Amino acid sequence: MMGCALAVACTSVGLPVAHADIAPSCIEYDNGYKAEWQASWAVYQAEQGQPDSRSSAVVDLPITIAAPFQKVWDVYSNLNNDLGRHPFMRELITHRTCDDGGVQVSDFTALDDIPMGPITFPGHTQAEQRVHAAQHYYESDSWDIPNVTTHQLITFTDNGDGTTTVNEHITFLADAALIQFTADNGASSHRTYQAALKRDIENGSL
């Protein structure tokens, strides 16, 4: 009742009335990996905010690209440009895309070939990317076996001289026995990916 009274009062004096949040506008895609993503992502979400006994490692990976800010942003924030450039990724399966109040959300599975010593592990990385286009940054969260979680914050800086610096701030979470391998392997793969994007942006391939 108090909420109704306040709404009437606000209307009577010409002030704006608060509206309910608008539900995200989403497009769903059917594929053979969607149920796996939903189950894995539910586990990931349930773990958030809970005490975590895993070890963590944080890295910052800055790279300067000789191209204008908008060009770098457009290419770098487009998930499809990961294919053929990220050393592990062999396929990208999109399950859902949403516009959530101007934030572009993509839920997907990356099919990876992950080198682990003398063998290659066929990984399925469950992930979500959130692109904040108005503010020119994006976030990604991912989960993979064996119990590895990655949080990423990617920011862009216009250097004012026709170049753009991108920084990938990455937090790796893994069991203590795996954290060093996870961080080293993850950082190395991201540096390779960054170098490939830099090359193809600067040579005009992208």
N, C-alpha and C. Protein backbone atom coordinates (compact mmCIF):
# COMPACT_ATOMS: atom_id res chain seq x y z
N MET A 1 0.82 -1.20 0.00
CA MET A 1 0.00 0.00 0.00
C MET A 1 0.86 1.25 0.00
N MET A 2 1.95 1.26 0.75
CA MET A 2 2.80 2.42 0.78
C MET A 2 3.36 2.71 -0.60
N GLY A 3 3.74 1.64 -1.35
CA GLY A 3 4.27 1.83 -2.69
C GLY A 3 3.25 2.48 -3.59
N CYS A 4 1.97 2.05 -3.52
CA CYS A 4 0.92 2.64 -4.34
C CYS A 4 0.71 4.10 -3.99
N ALA A 5 0.74 4.41 -2.71
CA ALA A 5 0.53 5.79 -2.29
C ALA A 5 1.64 6.68 -2.81
N LEU A 6 2.87 6.19 -2.77
CA LEU A 6 4.00 6.98 -3.26
C LEU A 6 3.89 7.18 -4.76
N ALA A 7 3.44 6.15 -5.49
CA ALA A 7 3.32 6.27 -6.94
C ALA A 7 2.28 7.32 -7.30
N VAL A 8 1.14 7.32 -6.59
CA VAL A 8 0.11 8.31 -6.86
C VAL A 8 0.62 9.71 -6.55
N ALA A 9 1.33 9.85 -5.45
CA ALA A 9 1.85 11.16 -5.07
C ALA A 9 2.82 11.68 -6.11
N CYS A 10 3.70 10.81 -6.59
CA CYS A 10 4.67 11.23 -7.59
C CYS A 10 3.98 11.65 -8.88
N THR A 11 2.96 10.90 -9.27
CA THR A 11 2.24 11.23 -10.50
C THR A 11 1.56 12.59 -10.37
N SER A 12 1.01 12.87 -9.20
CA SER A 12 0.25 14.10 -9.04
C SER A 12 1.11 15.34 -9.11
N VAL A 13 2.43 15.21 -8.82
CA VAL A 13 3.28 16.39 -8.88
C VAL A 13 4.15 16.39 -10.12
N GLY A 14 3.89 15.46 -11.03
CA GLY A 14 4.58 15.47 -12.31
C GLY A 14 5.95 14.83 -12.30
N LEU A 15 6.28 14.07 -11.26
CA LEU A 15 7.57 13.40 -11.20
C LEU A 15 7.45 12.03 -11.85
N PRO A 16 8.57 11.49 -12.38
CA PRO A 16 8.50 10.19 -13.04
C PRO A 16 8.20 9.07 -12.05
N VAL A 17 7.46 8.09 -12.51
CA VAL A 17 7.12 6.93 -11.70
C VAL A 17 8.08 5.80 -12.04
N ALA A 18 8.56 5.10 -11.02
CA ALA A 18 9.48 3.99 -11.25
C ALA A 18 8.76 2.87 -11.98
N HIS A 19 9.46 2.26 -12.93
CA HIS A 19 8.89 1.16 -13.69
C HIS A 19 9.65 -0.12 -13.36
N ALA A 20 8.99 -1.24 -13.54
CA ALA A 20 9.64 -2.53 -13.31
C ALA A 20 10.75 -2.72 -14.34
N ASP A 21 11.78 -3.46 -13.95
CA ASP A 21 12.87 -3.76 -14.87
C ASP A 21 12.33 -4.50 -16.08
N ILE A 22 12.84 -4.14 -17.25
CA ILE A 22 12.43 -4.79 -18.48
C ILE A 22 13.21 -6.08 -18.64
N ALA A 23 12.50 -7.16 -18.94
CA ALA A 23 13.15 -8.46 -19.11
C ALA A 23 14.07 -8.43 -20.33
N PRO A 24 15.19 -9.14 -20.26
CA PRO A 24 16.09 -9.18 -21.41
C PRO A 24 15.40 -9.72 -22.66
N SER A 25 15.78 -9.20 -23.80
CA SER A 25 15.29 -9.70 -25.07
C SER A 25 16.30 -10.71 -25.59
N CYS A 26 15.89 -11.98 -25.69
CA CYS A 26 16.83 -13.06 -25.98
C CYS A 26 16.44 -13.85 -27.22
N ILE A 27 17.44 -14.40 -27.87
CA ILE A 27 17.26 -15.34 -28.97
C ILE A 27 17.90 -16.65 -28.55
N GLU A 28 17.14 -17.74 -28.61
CA GLU A 28 17.62 -19.06 -28.22
C GLU A 28 18.03 -19.86 -29.46
N TYR A 29 19.08 -20.66 -29.32
CA TYR A 29 19.55 -21.50 -30.41
C TYR A 29 19.58 -22.96 -29.92
N ASP A 30 19.02 -23.84 -30.71
CA ASP A 30 19.01 -25.25 -30.36
C ASP A 30 20.24 -25.94 -30.95
N ASN A 31 20.90 -26.76 -30.14
CA ASN A 31 22.04 -27.52 -30.62
C ASN A 31 22.29 -28.66 -29.64
N GLY A 32 23.18 -29.56 -30.00
CA GLY A 32 23.43 -30.74 -29.19
C GLY A 32 24.21 -30.49 -27.92
N TYR A 33 24.69 -29.27 -27.71
CA TYR A 33 25.50 -28.95 -26.54
C TYR A 33 24.75 -28.09 -25.52
N LYS A 34 23.53 -27.71 -25.84
CA LYS A 34 22.82 -26.75 -24.99
C LYS A 34 22.51 -27.31 -23.60
N ALA A 35 22.07 -28.56 -23.51
CA ALA A 35 21.74 -29.16 -22.22
C ALA A 35 22.99 -29.24 -21.34
N GLU A 36 24.12 -29.56 -21.96
CA GLU A 36 25.38 -29.62 -21.23
C GLU A 36 25.74 -28.24 -20.68
N TRP A 37 25.56 -27.21 -21.51
CA TRP A 37 25.85 -25.85 -21.04
C TRP A 37 24.94 -25.47 -19.88
N GLN A 38 23.65 -25.76 -20.00
CA GLN A 38 22.70 -25.39 -18.95
C GLN A 38 23.04 -26.06 -17.63
N ALA A 39 23.37 -27.35 -17.66
CA ALA A 39 23.71 -28.07 -16.44
C ALA A 39 25.00 -27.55 -15.82
N SER A 40 26.00 -27.34 -16.65
CA SER A 40 27.29 -26.85 -16.15
C SER A 40 27.19 -25.44 -15.62
N TRP A 41 26.43 -24.60 -16.33
CA TRP A 41 26.30 -23.21 -15.91
C TRP A 41 25.52 -23.09 -14.61
N ALA A 42 24.56 -23.99 -14.41
CA ALA A 42 23.81 -24.00 -13.15
C ALA A 42 24.74 -24.30 -11.98
N VAL A 43 25.66 -25.24 -12.17
CA VAL A 43 26.65 -25.54 -11.13
C VAL A 43 27.54 -24.33 -10.88
N TYR A 44 27.99 -23.71 -11.97
CA TYR A 44 28.85 -22.53 -11.85
C TYR A 44 28.15 -21.42 -11.07
N GLN A 45 26.91 -21.13 -11.41
CA GLN A 45 26.18 -20.06 -10.74
C GLN A 45 25.95 -20.37 -9.26
N ALA A 46 25.68 -21.64 -8.95
CA ALA A 46 25.45 -22.04 -7.56
C ALA A 46 26.70 -21.84 -6.71
N GLU A 47 27.86 -21.93 -7.34
CA GLU A 47 29.12 -21.77 -6.61
C GLU A 47 29.46 -20.32 -6.31
N GLN A 48 28.87 -19.39 -7.07
CA GLN A 48 29.21 -17.98 -6.89
C GLN A 48 28.72 -17.49 -5.53
N GLY A 49 29.58 -16.77 -4.84
CA GLY A 49 29.22 -16.23 -3.54
C GLY A 49 29.41 -17.20 -2.40
N GLN A 50 29.82 -18.44 -2.73
CA GLN A 50 30.07 -19.45 -1.70
C GLN A 50 31.56 -19.48 -1.38
N PRO A 51 31.93 -19.92 -0.17
CA PRO A 51 33.36 -20.06 0.15
C PRO A 51 34.04 -20.96 -0.88
N ASP A 52 35.21 -20.55 -1.33
CA ASP A 52 35.92 -21.28 -2.38
C ASP A 52 37.28 -21.71 -1.86
N SER A 53 37.51 -23.00 -1.84
CA SER A 53 38.77 -23.53 -1.32
C SER A 53 39.85 -23.60 -2.38
N ARG A 54 39.52 -23.25 -3.61
CA ARG A 54 40.51 -23.32 -4.68
C ARG A 54 41.53 -22.19 -4.57
N SER A 55 42.66 -22.39 -5.24
CA SER A 55 43.69 -21.35 -5.31
C SER A 55 43.37 -20.43 -6.48
N SER A 56 43.92 -19.21 -6.42
CA SER A 56 43.67 -18.24 -7.49
C SER A 56 44.99 -17.64 -7.98
N ALA A 57 44.96 -17.19 -9.22
CA ALA A 57 46.08 -16.49 -9.81
C ALA A 57 45.52 -15.40 -10.71
N VAL A 58 46.11 -14.20 -10.64
CA VAL A 58 45.63 -13.05 -11.40
C VAL A 58 46.73 -12.56 -12.33
N VAL A 59 46.37 -12.33 -13.59
CA VAL A 59 47.34 -11.79 -14.55
C VAL A 59 46.71 -10.63 -15.29
N ASP A 60 47.56 -9.68 -15.71
CA ASP A 60 47.15 -8.61 -16.61
C ASP A 60 47.95 -8.74 -17.88
N LEU A 61 47.25 -8.73 -19.01
CA LEU A 61 47.89 -8.93 -20.30
C LEU A 61 47.60 -7.74 -21.21
N PRO A 62 48.39 -6.65 -21.10
CA PRO A 62 48.17 -5.50 -21.97
C PRO A 62 48.84 -5.70 -23.33
N ILE A 63 48.22 -5.16 -24.36
CA ILE A 63 48.82 -5.19 -25.70
C ILE A 63 48.39 -3.92 -26.43
N THR A 64 49.31 -3.31 -27.16
CA THR A 64 49.01 -2.09 -27.91
C THR A 64 48.92 -2.43 -29.39
N ILE A 65 47.84 -2.00 -30.01
CA ILE A 65 47.55 -2.32 -31.41
C ILE A 65 47.54 -1.02 -32.21
N ALA A 66 48.22 -1.02 -33.33
CA ALA A 66 48.33 0.18 -34.17
C ALA A 66 47.09 0.31 -35.05
N ALA A 67 45.99 0.68 -34.40
CA ALA A 67 44.72 0.88 -35.09
C ALA A 67 43.83 1.76 -34.22
N PRO A 68 42.88 2.46 -34.83
CA PRO A 68 41.99 3.34 -34.06
C PRO A 68 41.15 2.58 -33.04
N PHE A 69 40.75 3.28 -32.01
CA PHE A 69 40.00 2.70 -30.89
C PHE A 69 38.77 1.94 -31.36
N GLN A 70 37.92 2.55 -32.19
CA GLN A 70 36.67 1.92 -32.59
C GLN A 70 36.91 0.64 -33.38
N LYS A 71 37.91 0.67 -34.24
CA LYS A 71 38.24 -0.53 -35.01
C LYS A 71 38.66 -1.67 -34.10
N VAL A 72 39.54 -1.37 -33.14
CA VAL A 72 40.01 -2.40 -32.22
C VAL A 72 38.86 -2.93 -31.38
N TRP A 73 38.03 -2.04 -30.90
CA TRP A 73 36.87 -2.46 -30.10
C TRP A 73 35.96 -3.39 -30.88
N ASP A 74 35.62 -3.01 -32.11
CA ASP A 74 34.70 -3.80 -32.93
C ASP A 74 35.23 -5.21 -33.16
N VAL A 75 36.51 -5.32 -33.44
CA VAL A 75 37.10 -6.62 -33.74
C VAL A 75 37.29 -7.45 -32.48
N TYR A 76 37.84 -6.83 -31.46
CA TYR A 76 38.23 -7.55 -30.24
C TYR A 76 37.02 -8.08 -29.47
N SER A 77 35.92 -7.34 -29.47
CA SER A 77 34.74 -7.74 -28.69
C SER A 77 33.84 -8.72 -29.43
N ASN A 78 34.19 -9.05 -30.66
CA ASN A 78 33.40 -9.99 -31.48
C ASN A 78 33.91 -11.41 -31.25
N LEU A 79 33.10 -12.24 -30.58
CA LEU A 79 33.51 -13.60 -30.25
C LEU A 79 33.94 -14.41 -31.47
N ASN A 80 33.31 -14.17 -32.61
CA ASN A 80 33.61 -14.97 -33.80
C ASN A 80 35.05 -14.82 -34.25
N ASN A 81 35.69 -13.72 -33.86
CA ASN A 81 37.08 -13.50 -34.26
C ASN A 81 38.06 -14.34 -33.45
N ASP A 82 37.57 -15.03 -32.42
CA ASP A 82 38.42 -15.95 -31.66
C ASP A 82 38.80 -17.18 -32.50
N LEU A 83 37.88 -17.61 -33.34
CA LEU A 83 38.10 -18.83 -34.12
C LEU A 83 39.28 -18.66 -35.08
N GLY A 84 40.16 -19.64 -35.06
CA GLY A 84 41.33 -19.59 -35.91
C GLY A 84 42.46 -18.76 -35.34
N ARG A 85 42.20 -18.12 -34.19
CA ARG A 85 43.24 -17.28 -33.56
C ARG A 85 43.56 -17.74 -32.14
N HIS A 86 42.53 -18.16 -31.41
CA HIS A 86 42.78 -18.74 -30.09
C HIS A 86 43.36 -20.13 -30.30
N PRO A 87 44.52 -20.42 -29.71
CA PRO A 87 45.22 -21.67 -30.03
C PRO A 87 44.50 -22.93 -29.62
N PHE A 88 43.57 -22.85 -28.63
CA PHE A 88 42.87 -24.04 -28.18
C PHE A 88 41.54 -24.25 -28.89
N MET A 89 40.87 -23.16 -29.23
CA MET A 89 39.49 -23.24 -29.70
C MET A 89 39.39 -23.79 -31.11
N ARG A 90 38.53 -24.81 -31.26
CA ARG A 90 38.30 -25.35 -32.60
C ARG A 90 36.87 -25.12 -33.09
N GLU A 91 35.95 -24.80 -32.16
CA GLU A 91 34.57 -24.52 -32.56
C GLU A 91 33.87 -23.72 -31.47
N LEU A 92 32.94 -22.87 -31.89
CA LEU A 92 32.18 -22.04 -30.96
C LEU A 92 30.70 -22.32 -31.15
N ILE A 93 30.03 -22.77 -30.09
CA ILE A 93 28.61 -23.13 -30.17
C ILE A 93 27.82 -22.12 -29.33
N THR A 94 27.01 -21.31 -29.99
CA THR A 94 26.22 -20.30 -29.29
C THR A 94 24.86 -20.86 -28.89
N HIS A 95 24.47 -20.66 -27.63
CA HIS A 95 23.20 -21.16 -27.12
C HIS A 95 22.14 -20.08 -27.00
N ARG A 96 22.58 -18.86 -26.66
CA ARG A 96 21.62 -17.78 -26.45
C ARG A 96 22.34 -16.45 -26.56
N THR A 97 21.67 -15.46 -27.14
CA THR A 97 22.16 -14.08 -27.14
C THR A 97 21.04 -13.20 -26.61
N CYS A 98 21.41 -12.23 -25.77
CA CYS A 98 20.40 -11.36 -25.14
C CYS A 98 20.85 -9.91 -25.19
N ASP A 99 19.87 -9.02 -25.27
CA ASP A 99 20.08 -7.60 -25.02
C ASP A 99 19.46 -7.33 -23.66
N ASP A 100 20.32 -7.13 -22.66
CA ASP A 100 19.87 -6.93 -21.28
C ASP A 100 20.15 -5.50 -20.87
N GLY A 101 19.23 -4.60 -21.20
CA GLY A 101 19.41 -3.20 -20.85
C GLY A 101 20.61 -2.57 -21.53
N GLY A 102 20.88 -2.95 -22.75
CA GLY A 102 22.01 -2.41 -23.48
C GLY A 102 23.28 -3.22 -23.36
N VAL A 103 23.27 -4.22 -22.49
CA VAL A 103 24.41 -5.13 -22.35
C VAL A 103 24.15 -6.35 -23.23
N GLN A 104 25.08 -6.64 -24.13
CA GLN A 104 24.92 -7.77 -25.03
C GLN A 104 25.52 -9.02 -24.38
N VAL A 105 24.65 -10.00 -24.10
CA VAL A 105 25.05 -11.21 -23.40
C VAL A 105 25.04 -12.39 -24.37
N SER A 106 26.14 -13.15 -24.36
CA SER A 106 26.23 -14.36 -25.20
C SER A 106 26.60 -15.54 -24.32
N ASP A 107 25.79 -16.59 -24.39
CA ASP A 107 26.06 -17.83 -23.67
C ASP A 107 26.53 -18.85 -24.70
N PHE A 108 27.66 -19.50 -24.43
CA PHE A 108 28.22 -20.37 -25.46
C PHE A 108 29.11 -21.46 -24.86
N THR A 109 29.38 -22.46 -25.68
CA THR A 109 30.35 -23.50 -25.37
C THR A 109 31.47 -23.41 -26.38
N ALA A 110 32.70 -23.36 -25.87
CA ALA A 110 33.87 -23.42 -26.74
C ALA A 110 34.41 -24.85 -26.72
N LEU A 111 34.52 -25.45 -27.88
CA LEU A 111 35.12 -26.77 -27.98
C LEU A 111 36.62 -26.57 -28.18
N ASP A 112 37.41 -27.07 -27.22
CA ASP A 112 38.84 -26.79 -27.18
C ASP A 112 39.65 -28.07 -27.33
N ASP A 113 40.84 -27.93 -27.87
CA ASP A 113 41.86 -28.98 -27.85
C ASP A 113 42.98 -28.45 -26.97
N ILE A 114 43.03 -28.92 -25.72
CA ILE A 114 43.95 -28.36 -24.72
C ILE A 114 45.15 -29.27 -24.56
N PRO A 115 46.37 -28.76 -24.84
CA PRO A 115 47.56 -29.59 -24.66
C PRO A 115 47.85 -29.80 -23.18
N MET A 116 48.03 -31.07 -22.80
CA MET A 116 48.38 -31.42 -21.43
C MET A 116 49.53 -32.41 -21.49
N GLY A 117 50.75 -31.87 -21.59
CA GLY A 117 51.93 -32.72 -21.74
C GLY A 117 51.91 -33.42 -23.08
N PRO A 118 52.03 -34.74 -23.09
CA PRO A 118 52.09 -35.46 -24.35
C PRO A 118 50.73 -35.73 -25.00
N ILE A 119 49.64 -35.34 -24.31
CA ILE A 119 48.31 -35.61 -24.85
C ILE A 119 47.54 -34.30 -25.07
N THR A 120 46.46 -34.40 -25.82
CA THR A 120 45.57 -33.26 -26.04
C THR A 120 44.22 -33.60 -25.42
N PHE A 121 43.75 -32.72 -24.54
CA PHE A 121 42.49 -32.95 -23.83
C PHE A 121 41.35 -32.23 -24.57
N PRO A 122 40.27 -32.96 -24.93
CA PRO A 122 39.15 -32.33 -25.64
C PRO A 122 38.23 -31.61 -24.64
N GLY A 123 38.49 -30.34 -24.40
CA GLY A 123 37.74 -29.59 -23.40
C GLY A 123 36.47 -28.97 -23.94
N HIS A 124 35.48 -28.85 -23.07
CA HIS A 124 34.26 -28.11 -23.36
C HIS A 124 34.18 -26.98 -22.35
N THR A 125 34.47 -25.78 -22.77
CA THR A 125 34.44 -24.63 -21.88
C THR A 125 33.07 -23.97 -21.95
N GLN A 126 32.38 -23.92 -20.82
CA GLN A 126 31.07 -23.28 -20.75
C GLN A 126 31.29 -21.82 -20.36
N ALA A 127 30.70 -20.89 -21.09
CA ALA A 127 31.06 -19.49 -20.87
C ALA A 127 29.91 -18.54 -21.15
N GLU A 128 30.09 -17.33 -20.61
CA GLU A 128 29.18 -16.22 -20.88
C GLU A 128 30.01 -14.96 -21.07
N GLN A 129 29.68 -14.21 -22.12
CA GLN A 129 30.32 -12.92 -22.38
C GLN A 129 29.28 -11.82 -22.23
N ARG A 130 29.66 -10.72 -21.56
CA ARG A 130 28.77 -9.57 -21.39
C ARG A 130 29.47 -8.33 -21.92
N VAL A 131 28.95 -7.81 -23.03
CA VAL A 131 29.57 -6.68 -23.70
C VAL A 131 28.85 -5.39 -23.32
N HIS A 132 29.57 -4.48 -22.69
CA HIS A 132 29.05 -3.17 -22.31
C HIS A 132 29.50 -2.17 -23.38
N ALA A 133 28.73 -2.13 -24.47
CA ALA A 133 29.15 -1.36 -25.64
C ALA A 133 29.26 0.13 -25.35
N ALA A 134 28.34 0.68 -24.58
CA ALA A 134 28.36 2.12 -24.31
C ALA A 134 29.60 2.52 -23.53
N GLN A 135 30.09 1.64 -22.67
CA GLN A 135 31.26 1.93 -21.85
C GLN A 135 32.54 1.33 -22.44
N HIS A 136 32.43 0.60 -23.53
CA HIS A 136 33.57 0.00 -24.21
C HIS A 136 34.42 -0.89 -23.29
N TYR A 137 33.77 -1.86 -22.68
CA TYR A 137 34.50 -2.93 -22.00
C TYR A 137 33.61 -4.16 -22.02
N TYR A 138 34.22 -5.32 -21.79
CA TYR A 138 33.39 -6.52 -21.68
C TYR A 138 33.97 -7.47 -20.64
N GLU A 139 33.10 -8.36 -20.18
CA GLU A 139 33.44 -9.35 -19.17
C GLU A 139 33.13 -10.74 -19.71
N SER A 140 33.90 -11.71 -19.23
CA SER A 140 33.62 -13.10 -19.56
C SER A 140 33.84 -13.96 -18.33
N ASP A 141 32.97 -14.94 -18.15
CA ASP A 141 33.14 -15.94 -17.11
C ASP A 141 33.08 -17.30 -17.78
N SER A 142 33.94 -18.21 -17.34
CA SER A 142 33.93 -19.54 -17.93
C SER A 142 34.23 -20.59 -16.89
N TRP A 143 33.76 -21.80 -17.17
CA TRP A 143 33.96 -22.94 -16.28
C TRP A 143 34.33 -24.15 -17.14
N ASP A 144 35.29 -24.92 -16.65
CA ASP A 144 35.73 -26.10 -17.39
C ASP A 144 36.22 -27.15 -16.41
N ILE A 145 36.23 -28.39 -16.82
CA ILE A 145 36.86 -29.43 -16.00
C ILE A 145 38.36 -29.38 -16.25
N PRO A 146 39.17 -29.69 -15.23
CA PRO A 146 38.80 -30.19 -13.91
C PRO A 146 38.63 -29.06 -12.90
N ASN A 147 37.39 -28.54 -12.79
CA ASN A 147 37.03 -27.53 -11.79
C ASN A 147 37.85 -26.25 -11.93
N VAL A 148 37.94 -25.75 -13.16
CA VAL A 148 38.68 -24.52 -13.44
C VAL A 148 37.69 -23.42 -13.82
N THR A 149 37.79 -22.28 -13.15
CA THR A 149 36.96 -21.13 -13.45
C THR A 149 37.85 -19.96 -13.86
N THR A 150 37.39 -19.19 -14.83
CA THR A 150 38.13 -18.03 -15.29
C THR A 150 37.20 -16.82 -15.33
N HIS A 151 37.64 -15.71 -14.76
CA HIS A 151 36.93 -14.44 -14.84
C HIS A 151 37.80 -13.47 -15.63
N GLN A 152 37.20 -12.79 -16.61
CA GLN A 152 37.97 -11.85 -17.43
C GLN A 152 37.29 -10.48 -17.47
N LEU A 153 38.09 -9.44 -17.42
CA LEU A 153 37.64 -8.07 -17.64
C LEU A 153 38.56 -7.48 -18.69
N ILE A 154 38.00 -7.11 -19.85
CA ILE A 154 38.79 -6.60 -20.96
C ILE A 154 38.45 -5.13 -21.17
N THR A 155 39.46 -4.28 -21.04
CA THR A 155 39.27 -2.83 -21.16
C THR A 155 40.11 -2.29 -22.31
N PHE A 156 39.68 -1.11 -22.82
CA PHE A 156 40.28 -0.51 -24.00
C PHE A 156 40.64 0.94 -23.72
N THR A 157 41.84 1.34 -24.14
CA THR A 157 42.30 2.72 -23.93
C THR A 157 42.74 3.32 -25.26
N ASP A 158 42.15 4.45 -25.61
CA ASP A 158 42.57 5.21 -26.79
C ASP A 158 43.82 6.01 -26.40
N ASN A 159 44.94 5.71 -27.04
CA ASN A 159 46.20 6.37 -26.68
C ASN A 159 46.36 7.74 -27.31
N GLY A 160 45.41 8.13 -28.17
CA GLY A 160 45.45 9.47 -28.76
C GLY A 160 46.43 9.64 -29.90
N ASP A 161 47.08 8.55 -30.31
CA ASP A 161 48.05 8.64 -31.41
C ASP A 161 47.75 7.64 -32.51
N GLY A 162 46.49 7.20 -32.57
CA GLY A 162 46.10 6.21 -33.57
C GLY A 162 46.31 4.79 -33.12
N THR A 163 46.76 4.60 -31.88
CA THR A 163 46.91 3.25 -31.35
C THR A 163 45.95 3.04 -30.19
N THR A 164 45.69 1.77 -29.89
CA THR A 164 44.76 1.40 -28.82
C THR A 164 45.41 0.32 -27.97
N THR A 165 45.33 0.49 -26.66
CA THR A 165 45.84 -0.53 -25.74
C THR A 165 44.68 -1.31 -25.15
N VAL A 166 44.77 -2.62 -25.25
CA VAL A 166 43.77 -3.52 -24.68
C VAL A 166 44.42 -4.24 -23.50
N ASN A 167 43.71 -4.30 -22.39
CA ASN A 167 44.21 -5.06 -21.25
C ASN A 167 43.22 -6.16 -20.89
N GLU A 168 43.72 -7.38 -20.79
CA GLU A 168 42.93 -8.50 -20.32
C GLU A 168 43.32 -8.77 -18.87
N HIS A 169 42.39 -8.47 -17.96
CA HIS A 169 42.60 -8.75 -16.53
C HIS A 169 41.91 -10.07 -16.25
N ILE A 170 42.70 -11.10 -15.94
CA ILE A 170 42.18 -12.46 -15.86
C ILE A 170 42.45 -13.04 -14.48
N THR A 171 41.42 -13.62 -13.89
CA THR A 171 41.54 -14.34 -12.63
C THR A 171 41.27 -15.81 -12.89
N PHE A 172 42.24 -16.65 -12.56
CA PHE A 172 42.10 -18.11 -12.70
C PHE A 172 41.83 -18.71 -11.33
N LEU A 173 40.90 -19.64 -11.26
CA LEU A 173 40.62 -20.40 -10.04
C LEU A 173 40.74 -21.88 -10.36
N ALA A 174 41.53 -22.59 -9.56
CA ALA A 174 41.72 -24.02 -9.78
C ALA A 174 42.22 -24.65 -8.49
N ASP A 175 42.17 -25.98 -8.44
CA ASP A 175 42.72 -26.67 -7.28
C ASP A 175 44.21 -26.36 -7.17
N ALA A 176 44.72 -26.41 -5.95
CA ALA A 176 46.10 -25.98 -5.68
C ALA A 176 47.11 -26.69 -6.58
N ALA A 177 46.91 -27.97 -6.82
CA ALA A 177 47.86 -28.73 -7.63
C ALA A 177 47.87 -28.31 -9.09
N LEU A 178 46.81 -27.63 -9.52
CA LEU A 178 46.68 -27.27 -10.94
C LEU A 178 46.79 -25.78 -11.21
N ILE A 179 46.82 -24.94 -10.17
CA ILE A 179 46.69 -23.51 -10.41
C ILE A 179 47.85 -22.94 -11.23
N GLN A 180 49.07 -23.36 -10.96
CA GLN A 180 50.21 -22.80 -11.70
C GLN A 180 50.15 -23.20 -13.16
N PHE A 181 49.84 -24.49 -13.40
CA PHE A 181 49.70 -24.95 -14.78
C PHE A 181 48.57 -24.21 -15.48
N THR A 182 47.44 -24.07 -14.78
CA THR A 182 46.27 -23.40 -15.36
C THR A 182 46.59 -21.96 -15.72
N ALA A 183 47.23 -21.22 -14.81
CA ALA A 183 47.54 -19.82 -15.05
C ALA A 183 48.57 -19.67 -16.17
N ASP A 184 49.62 -20.49 -16.13
CA ASP A 184 50.67 -20.39 -17.17
C ASP A 184 50.12 -20.75 -18.53
N ASN A 185 49.36 -21.84 -18.60
CA ASN A 185 48.82 -22.28 -19.87
C ASN A 185 47.78 -21.30 -20.39
N GLY A 186 46.93 -20.81 -19.47
CA GLY A 186 45.90 -19.86 -19.86
C GLY A 186 46.48 -18.55 -20.34
N ALA A 187 47.45 -18.01 -19.61
CA ALA A 187 48.07 -16.74 -20.00
C ALA A 187 48.79 -16.88 -21.34
N SER A 188 49.48 -18.00 -21.52
CA SER A 188 50.19 -18.23 -22.78
C SER A 188 49.23 -18.28 -23.97
N SER A 189 48.09 -18.96 -23.79
CA SER A 189 47.12 -19.06 -24.88
C SER A 189 46.52 -17.70 -25.20
N HIS A 190 46.28 -16.89 -24.17
CA HIS A 190 45.72 -15.56 -24.40
C HIS A 190 46.73 -14.64 -25.09
N ARG A 191 48.00 -14.75 -24.75
CA ARG A 191 49.02 -13.94 -25.43
C ARG A 191 49.10 -14.31 -26.91
N THR A 192 49.00 -15.62 -27.20
CA THR A 192 49.01 -16.06 -28.60
C THR A 192 47.80 -15.51 -29.35
N TYR A 193 46.65 -15.57 -28.70
CA TYR A 193 45.41 -15.04 -29.28
C TYR A 193 45.51 -13.53 -29.51
N GLN A 194 46.04 -12.80 -28.53
CA GLN A 194 46.21 -11.36 -28.66
C GLN A 194 47.13 -11.02 -29.83
N ALA A 195 48.22 -11.74 -29.94
CA ALA A 195 49.17 -11.49 -31.01
C ALA A 195 48.53 -11.72 -32.39
N ALA A 196 47.68 -12.75 -32.47
CA ALA A 196 47.01 -13.03 -33.74
C ALA A 196 46.01 -11.93 -34.09
N LEU A 197 45.26 -11.44 -33.09
CA LEU A 197 44.33 -10.33 -33.34
C LEU A 197 45.09 -9.08 -33.74
N LYS A 198 46.16 -8.76 -33.04
CA LYS A 198 46.98 -7.59 -33.38
C LYS A 198 47.48 -7.67 -34.82
N ARG A 199 48.01 -8.84 -35.18
CA ARG A 199 48.52 -9.04 -36.54
C ARG A 199 47.44 -8.80 -37.58
N ASP A 200 46.26 -9.40 -37.37
CA ASP A 200 45.22 -9.34 -38.39
C ASP A 200 44.49 -8.00 -38.42
N ILE A 201 44.45 -7.30 -37.30
CA ILE A 201 43.90 -5.94 -37.32
C ILE A 201 44.86 -5.01 -38.05
N GLU A 202 46.14 -5.12 -37.75
CA GLU A 202 47.12 -4.21 -38.34
C GLU A 202 47.37 -4.48 -39.81
N ASN A 203 47.22 -5.77 -40.26
CA ASN A 203 47.44 -6.04 -41.67
C ASN A 203 46.16 -5.93 -42.51
N GLY A 204 45.04 -5.61 -41.84
CA GLY A 204 43.79 -5.39 -42.56
C GLY A 204 42.97 -6.64 -42.81
N SER A 205 43.40 -7.80 -42.28
CA SER A 205 42.62 -9.02 -42.46
C SER A 205 41.29 -8.96 -41.70
N LEU A 206 41.28 -8.18 -40.61
CA LEU A 206 40.07 -7.99 -39.82
C LEU A 206 39.69 -6.52 -39.83
